[in-house]
Amino acid sequence: MKSSPAQLADNPSPPTEPQLQHQLNRFLAAYTQAYGARNLFKFQQFFTANATENNTPITNLIPTYTKLFAATETLNLHITPQRWQQPTPGQITINGRFTIDLKYKNAAAVHGAGKIDFQLTRNDTSFHIEKMTYTFDQ
């Protein structure tokens, strides 16, 4: 018996590894774009309600992000994923490197780089950050 397109849409097959890699790259590009645009509303949508950043609830960090976005003229964040894995369906971990360049409105510029790790949840084709940890190079 042949399946109808509607039946196929109800039970989509899991993405292949190249498809998942493409989706992760798109996710990271959208995340860094929202950060660089200093768009707090859009930026917050990348996180789950219980997400943490360096073991601090993201909800506690919103005032910090608000001040950072208001105090900067430009924010450029680049994330290079080095490896990722899917330990269980719906869970993705990404290990990578980041570089960040900030130009504050008072003309002070800051550059940083380091290690960054994400734990993501996946539903359908969207990802949300559950946990993010990063450290700056010394």
C-alpha atoms as a PDB file:
ATOM      1  CA  MET A   1       0.000   0.000   0.000  1.00  0.00           C
ATOM      2  CA  LYS A   2       1.301   3.432  -0.948  1.00  0.00           C
ATOM      3  CA  SER A   3       1.470   6.222   1.665  1.00  0.00           C
ATOM      4  CA  SER A   4      -0.144   9.544   0.949  1.00  0.00           C
ATOM      5  CA  PRO A   5       1.900  12.763   1.333  1.00  0.00           C
ATOM      6  CA  ALA A   6      -0.181  13.657   4.399  1.00  0.00           C
ATOM      7  CA  GLN A   7       0.704  10.349   6.061  1.00  0.00           C
ATOM      8  CA  LEU A   8       4.362  10.869   5.264  1.00  0.00           C
ATOM      9  CA  ALA A   9       4.255  14.354   6.783  1.00  0.00           C
ATOM     10  CA  ASP A  10       2.817  12.930   9.994  1.00  0.00           C
ATOM     11  CA  ASN A  11       5.761  10.546  10.366  1.00  0.00           C
ATOM     12  CA  PRO A  12       8.774  12.353   8.966  1.00  0.00           C
ATOM     13  CA  SER A  13      11.957  10.348   8.840  1.00  0.00           C
ATOM     14  CA  PRO A  14      14.820  11.588  11.011  1.00  0.00           C
ATOM     15  CA  PRO A  15      17.270  13.853   9.200  1.00  0.00           C
ATOM     16  CA  THR A  16      20.396  12.358   7.719  1.00  0.00           C
ATOM     17  CA  GLU A  17      23.738  13.396   9.190  1.00  0.00           C
ATOM     18  CA  PRO A  18      24.398  15.951   6.394  1.00  0.00           C
ATOM     19  CA  GLN A  19      20.882  17.373   6.828  1.00  0.00           C
ATOM     20  CA  LEU A  20      21.380  17.661  10.583  1.00  0.00           C
ATOM     21  CA  GLN A  21      24.780  19.303  10.055  1.00  0.00           C
ATOM     22  CA  HIS A  22      23.128  21.849   7.739  1.00  0.00           C
ATOM     23  CA  GLN A  23      20.369  22.531  10.293  1.00  0.00           C
ATOM     24  CA  LEU A  24      22.946  23.024  13.061  1.00  0.00           C
ATOM     25  CA  ASN A  25      24.942  25.435  10.894  1.00  0.00           C
ATOM     26  CA  ARG A  26      21.762  27.398  10.162  1.00  0.00           C
ATOM     27  CA  PHE A  27      20.916  27.450  13.869  1.00  0.00           C
ATOM     28  CA  LEU A  28      24.359  28.784  14.831  1.00  0.00           C
ATOM     29  CA  ALA A  29      24.208  31.394  12.046  1.00  0.00           C
ATOM     30  CA  ALA A  30      20.783  32.599  13.222  1.00  0.00           C
ATOM     31  CA  TYR A  31      21.930  32.639  16.867  1.00  0.00           C
ATOM     32  CA  THR A  32      25.049  34.701  16.114  1.00  0.00           C
ATOM     33  CA  GLN A  33      23.006  37.009  13.855  1.00  0.00           C
ATOM     34  CA  ALA A  34      20.471  37.711  16.632  1.00  0.00           C
ATOM     35  CA  TYR A  35      23.320  38.329  19.084  1.00  0.00           C
ATOM     36  CA  GLY A  36      25.102  40.622  16.638  1.00  0.00           C
ATOM     37  CA  ALA A  37      21.897  42.534  15.945  1.00  0.00           C
ATOM     38  CA  ARG A  38      21.595  43.066  19.708  1.00  0.00           C
ATOM     39  CA  ASN A  39      17.979  41.931  19.442  1.00  0.00           C
ATOM     40  CA  LEU A  40      17.135  40.760  22.966  1.00  0.00           C
ATOM     41  CA  PHE A  41      13.670  39.460  22.072  1.00  0.00           C
ATOM     42  CA  LYS A  42      14.966  37.350  19.174  1.00  0.00           C
ATOM     43  CA  PHE A  43      18.051  36.282  21.156  1.00  0.00           C
ATOM     44  CA  GLN A  44      15.958  34.988  24.081  1.00  0.00           C
ATOM     45  CA  GLN A  45      13.975  32.737  21.756  1.00  0.00           C
ATOM     46  CA  PHE A  46      17.049  30.542  21.218  1.00  0.00           C
ATOM     47  CA  PHE A  47      16.909  29.305  24.832  1.00  0.00           C
ATOM     48  CA  THR A  48      14.601  26.927  26.671  1.00  0.00           C
ATOM     49  CA  ALA A  49      12.774  28.311  29.708  1.00  0.00           C
ATOM     50  CA  ASN A  50      15.225  26.518  32.033  1.00  0.00           C
ATOM     51  CA  ALA A  51      18.389  27.157  30.034  1.00  0.00           C
ATOM     52  CA  THR A  52      21.685  27.879  31.744  1.00  0.00           C
ATOM     53  CA  GLU A  53      24.781  29.773  30.678  1.00  0.00           C
ATOM     54  CA  ASN A  54      27.894  28.803  32.608  1.00  0.00           C
ATOM     55  CA  ASN A  55      25.569  27.235  35.230  1.00  0.00           C
ATOM     56  CA  THR A  56      23.555  30.455  35.713  1.00  0.00           C
ATOM     57  CA  PRO A  57      19.891  30.469  34.658  1.00  0.00           C
ATOM     58  CA  ILE A  58      19.558  32.499  31.459  1.00  0.00           C
ATOM     59  CA  THR A  59      16.610  34.336  33.014  1.00  0.00           C
ATOM     60  CA  ASN A  60      19.033  35.770  35.616  1.00  0.00           C
ATOM     61  CA  LEU A  61      21.317  37.010  32.818  1.00  0.00           C
ATOM     62  CA  ILE A  62      18.721  38.991  30.852  1.00  0.00           C
ATOM     63  CA  PRO A  63      19.604  42.265  32.670  1.00  0.00           C
ATOM     64  CA  THR A  64      23.283  41.669  31.802  1.00  0.00           C
ATOM     65  CA  TYR A  65      22.442  41.120  28.135  1.00  0.00           C
ATOM     66  CA  THR A  66      20.169  44.176  28.155  1.00  0.00           C
ATOM     67  CA  LYS A  67      23.034  46.356  29.433  1.00  0.00           C
ATOM     68  CA  LEU A  68      25.548  44.796  27.020  1.00  0.00           C
ATOM     69  CA  PHE A  69      23.310  45.303  23.995  1.00  0.00           C
ATOM     70  CA  ALA A  70      22.610  48.922  25.022  1.00  0.00           C
ATOM     71  CA  ALA A  71      26.285  49.735  25.697  1.00  0.00           C
ATOM     72  CA  THR A  72      27.706  48.378  22.449  1.00  0.00           C
ATOM     73  CA  GLU A  73      27.834  49.819  18.979  1.00  0.00           C
ATOM     74  CA  THR A  74      28.718  46.497  17.375  1.00  0.00           C
ATOM     75  CA  LEU A  75      28.875  42.883  18.504  1.00  0.00           C
ATOM     76  CA  ASN A  76      30.389  40.264  16.254  1.00  0.00           C
ATOM     77  CA  LEU A  77      30.234  36.671  17.433  1.00  0.00           C
ATOM     78  CA  HIS A  78      31.545  33.806  15.341  1.00  0.00           C
ATOM     79  CA  ILE A  79      31.156  30.170  16.383  1.00  0.00           C
ATOM     80  CA  THR A  80      33.096  27.384  14.700  1.00  0.00           C
ATOM     81  CA  PRO A  81      31.666  23.979  15.554  1.00  0.00           C
ATOM     82  CA  GLN A  82      34.424  21.398  15.865  1.00  0.00           C
ATOM     83  CA  ARG A  83      32.267  18.358  16.553  1.00  0.00           C
ATOM     84  CA  TRP A  84      28.733  17.465  17.436  1.00  0.00           C
ATOM     85  CA  GLN A  85      26.905  14.367  18.485  1.00  0.00           C
ATOM     86  CA  GLN A  86      23.388  13.210  19.125  1.00  0.00           C
ATOM     87  CA  PRO A  87      23.553  11.162  22.345  1.00  0.00           C
ATOM     88  CA  THR A  88      19.792  10.561  22.270  1.00  0.00           C
ATOM     89  CA  PRO A  89      17.063  11.503  19.783  1.00  0.00           C
ATOM     90  CA  GLY A  90      16.169  15.135  20.312  1.00  0.00           C
ATOM     91  CA  GLN A  91      19.443  15.975  22.111  1.00  0.00           C
ATOM     92  CA  ILE A  92      22.472  17.483  20.378  1.00  0.00           C
ATOM     93  CA  THR A  93      25.787  18.496  21.906  1.00  0.00           C
ATOM     94  CA  ILE A  94      28.115  20.829  20.049  1.00  0.00           C
ATOM     95  CA  ASN A  95      31.732  21.499  20.984  1.00  0.00           C
ATOM     96  CA  GLY A  96      33.384  24.426  19.304  1.00  0.00           C
ATOM     97  CA  ARG A  97      35.369  27.628  19.396  1.00  0.00           C
ATOM     98  CA  PHE A  98      34.183  31.209  19.401  1.00  0.00           C
ATOM     99  CA  THR A  99      35.580  34.633  18.684  1.00  0.00           C
ATOM    100  CA  ILE A 100      33.893  37.810  19.805  1.00  0.00           C
ATOM    101  CA  ASP A 101      34.571  41.420  18.936  1.00  0.00           C
ATOM    102  CA  LEU A 102      32.698  44.164  20.755  1.00  0.00           C
ATOM    103  CA  LYS A 103      32.872  47.882  20.154  1.00  0.00           C
ATOM    104  CA  TYR A 104      31.426  49.847  23.025  1.00  0.00           C
ATOM    105  CA  LYS A 105      29.727  53.179  22.432  1.00  0.00           C
ATOM    106  CA  ASN A 106      32.537  54.858  24.371  1.00  0.00           C
ATOM    107  CA  ALA A 107      34.877  53.551  21.594  1.00  0.00           C
ATOM    108  CA  ALA A 108      36.530  50.863  23.706  1.00  0.00           C
ATOM    109  CA  ALA A 109      36.987  47.663  21.691  1.00  0.00           C
ATOM    110  CA  VAL A 110      37.234  44.193  23.156  1.00  0.00           C
ATOM    111  CA  HIS A 111      38.311  40.973  21.472  1.00  0.00           C
ATOM    112  CA  GLY A 112      38.003  37.523  22.965  1.00  0.00           C
ATOM    113  CA  ALA A 113      38.173  33.894  21.925  1.00  0.00           C
ATOM    114  CA  GLY A 114      37.700  30.565  23.591  1.00  0.00           C
ATOM    115  CA  LYS A 115      35.924  27.250  23.874  1.00  0.00           C
ATOM    116  CA  ILE A 116      32.130  26.966  23.712  1.00  0.00           C
ATOM    117  CA  ASP A 117      29.820  23.993  24.232  1.00  0.00           C
ATOM    118  CA  PHE A 118      26.079  23.735  23.696  1.00  0.00           C
ATOM    119  CA  GLN A 119      23.502  21.211  24.766  1.00  0.00           C
ATOM    120  CA  LEU A 120      20.502  21.591  22.476  1.00  0.00           C
ATOM    121  CA  THR A 121      17.025  20.143  22.385  1.00  0.00           C
ATOM    122  CA  ARG A 122      15.500  19.474  19.000  1.00  0.00           C
ATOM    123  CA  ASN A 123      11.853  19.349  18.073  1.00  0.00           C
ATOM    124  CA  ASP A 124      10.951  18.948  14.413  1.00  0.00           C
ATOM    125  CA  THR A 125      13.452  21.260  12.725  1.00  0.00           C
ATOM    126  CA  SER A 126      14.135  23.792  15.477  1.00  0.00           C
ATOM    127  CA  PHE A 127      16.739  23.772  18.201  1.00  0.00           C
ATOM    128  CA  HIS A 128      16.822  25.445  21.609  1.00  0.00           C
ATOM    129  CA  ILE A 129      19.738  25.872  23.962  1.00  0.00           C
ATOM    130  CA  GLU A 130      19.369  23.994  27.245  1.00  0.00           C
ATOM    131  CA  LYS A 131      22.901  24.558  28.421  1.00  0.00           C
ATOM    132  CA  MET A 132      25.765  26.688  27.166  1.00  0.00           C
ATOM    133  CA  THR A 133      29.220  26.813  28.692  1.00  0.00           C
ATOM    134  CA  TYR A 134      32.177  28.796  27.505  1.00  0.00           C
ATOM    135  CA  THR A 135      35.603  29.860  28.668  1.00  0.00           C
ATOM    136  CA  PHE A 136      37.883  32.540  27.322  1.00  0.00           C
ATOM    137  CA  ASP A 137      41.418  31.670  26.305  1.00  0.00           C
ATOM    138  CA  GLN A 138      44.026  32.949  28.731  1.00  0.00           C
END
